[in-house]
Amino acid sequence: AADAAVSRLLGVEPQWEVAEDQRLLVQVVFGIGLDITSPLLGQMDLDASWSFNAAHEVGEPWAQRNMYTFCTELPPELRVAKRRCWIEEFSKWVQGEGERFPVPKSKFHGLVMRYIEGNLVDVYPAGSLVWERDGQVKASFFEFQVDVSKTIAPESALEVMRLWDNAVAAHNAKASRFARDVWHTSDLWGRAESQSHLISGTISTLLVLFLVAFLGMLVFTRDAPLAMTVVMSTFSVVCGLAFFMTVVQGWAVGPIEVIALIVFVGYAATYSLHIAHSYGNAEALKEPRLAGLGGGAGAVRWQRTRFSLKMLGSATFGSALTTAGSSMFLLFCQVIVFNRLGGVILTITLISIFVALGPLPATLLALGPTRPGRLRLLPSCRRTLGECCEELPGAAD
C-alpha cells in the first residue's frame, strides 16, 4: 500500500500483483436504502427490500464534491488499481462543455441527462451506473477494481471488507447530508461472510451435538467415563470424515459438507455406542478370564471387552457391510449431491466400524471402567435413593 502511494505521488504507475481479470470488484452505492428482512415463511420480496434515499440529492454542489472526493482520494491501503466513477468523467465532460464543476443544481439534471446518453465510463455506458427516474438521477454507484484476488480465503476477504467499511464510514461521517448513507458491496463479501458463519456455526452445532450425545450416552451406559470414551470415539470419526472431505477429496466447505458433518454425528456414534453398552452388561463377568491376568482390573476389562466383541462385533460389522454396499451405488451418480452423499456415507461407515472394532476395544481393554453402570447420586452411596437418604446426617430425625 505504501509503495502504491509513493508511485502515485511520483506519477509512476504502481506495479500491481493480481492479473486484471482476477481482481476483486467492489461497488459503492449512493442514494439507495436497504431494508433486508427475511420472512419466517415464504420468499423475500426483493422489490420491497430497497428504495431510493429521499435525502440523497446529487444535484446539490456539495453532494457532487463529496462523491468526487470519495472517488479520487481513497486510502492507499484499499489498493484500488482501477476505478469507474461516472462523477469523475462527468466533471471532465462538463468542463469540456464550458461549464464549471460542481454544476449548479439548476443546470445539473439537464447536463447529466445529456452526458449519460452518449458517453462511456471506461468501457461501460455511463447510463448503466445510474438510476434515473423522470429525468433525474436518483441513485448511482462507483465500481473499483482492487489489487486483491477474488478467490482469496474468507478470513482475508473479511479483512479487506473491514478496510472498505472504514473508508465508507469515514465518508459518511464527513459528507454533507445530500451524499451520506453510502454503502459498499461485492460478490466476495457475501461468499466470505457466508462461509465464515457456516464454519463457526458448524463448530458451535457440533459442540452442542457432542454435549447432547454425551448426555444421551450417559443415560444408556450409566457411566460417565464410558460415555466420554464413546464421545471421543465419535469425535475421531467426525475428524476423519472432515479430513476425507477437505484434504483427500479437496471439497470446499459448503452446505453439503456441513450437513454431512452434522447429520452423520449420530450415525458415527452408533457402532461405538453398541460396543460400549455391551461392555457395561453384567453378563460380561460370566466370561472366562484369561490365564495370567489374575483377578485384578485387567482381568475384568478383558472379560467385558471380550463379551462386547463376541456379542455385537459380528452384528456391527454386518451392519456396516450392508450400509457400505448400499452406498456404493451412489458413487456412480451423475448428480453431484448424490455422488458426494455416497462418498460421505461410505467413508463414515468405514471409519466408524474401524474405530468401533479397533481403537475403542483397545481403549476399553487398557482404561475401561471395571464397574460400569453404577452412576451414583452421592459418592458414599451405593444402594437406592431411599437408602442414601437414610444415611444422610439428621435423617433419623
Foldseek 3Di string as FASTA:
>chain_A
DVQCVVCVVVVHQDDFDDDQVFFFKKKKKWFKDAQDDADPDDGDDPVVGMDGDPLAACLAQLQLVLLVCLQPPFDCVLQFNDKQRLSVVLQVVCVVVVHHPPDHSVCPLVSVVVQQPDDARPNHRSVVFFDDDPSGTRMGMMMTGHSDGLPDALVVVVVSVVSVVVSLVVSQVPGDSNTHPMDMDGPSNVVSVVLVCLVVVLVVLVVVVLVVQLVVLCVLFVFNVLSVLLSVQLVVLLVQLVCCQCPVVVHDDDPLSSCLSNVCSVVLSVLQSQLSSQLQDPCLVVDDFDPPPPPDLLRLLVSSLVRSCVVCVVVLVVVLVVQLVVLVVQCPDPDPSSNVVSVSSNSSSVSSSCSNPPVSSVCSSPPNDSNINQNDPDPVDRDDPVVVLCPDPPSVD
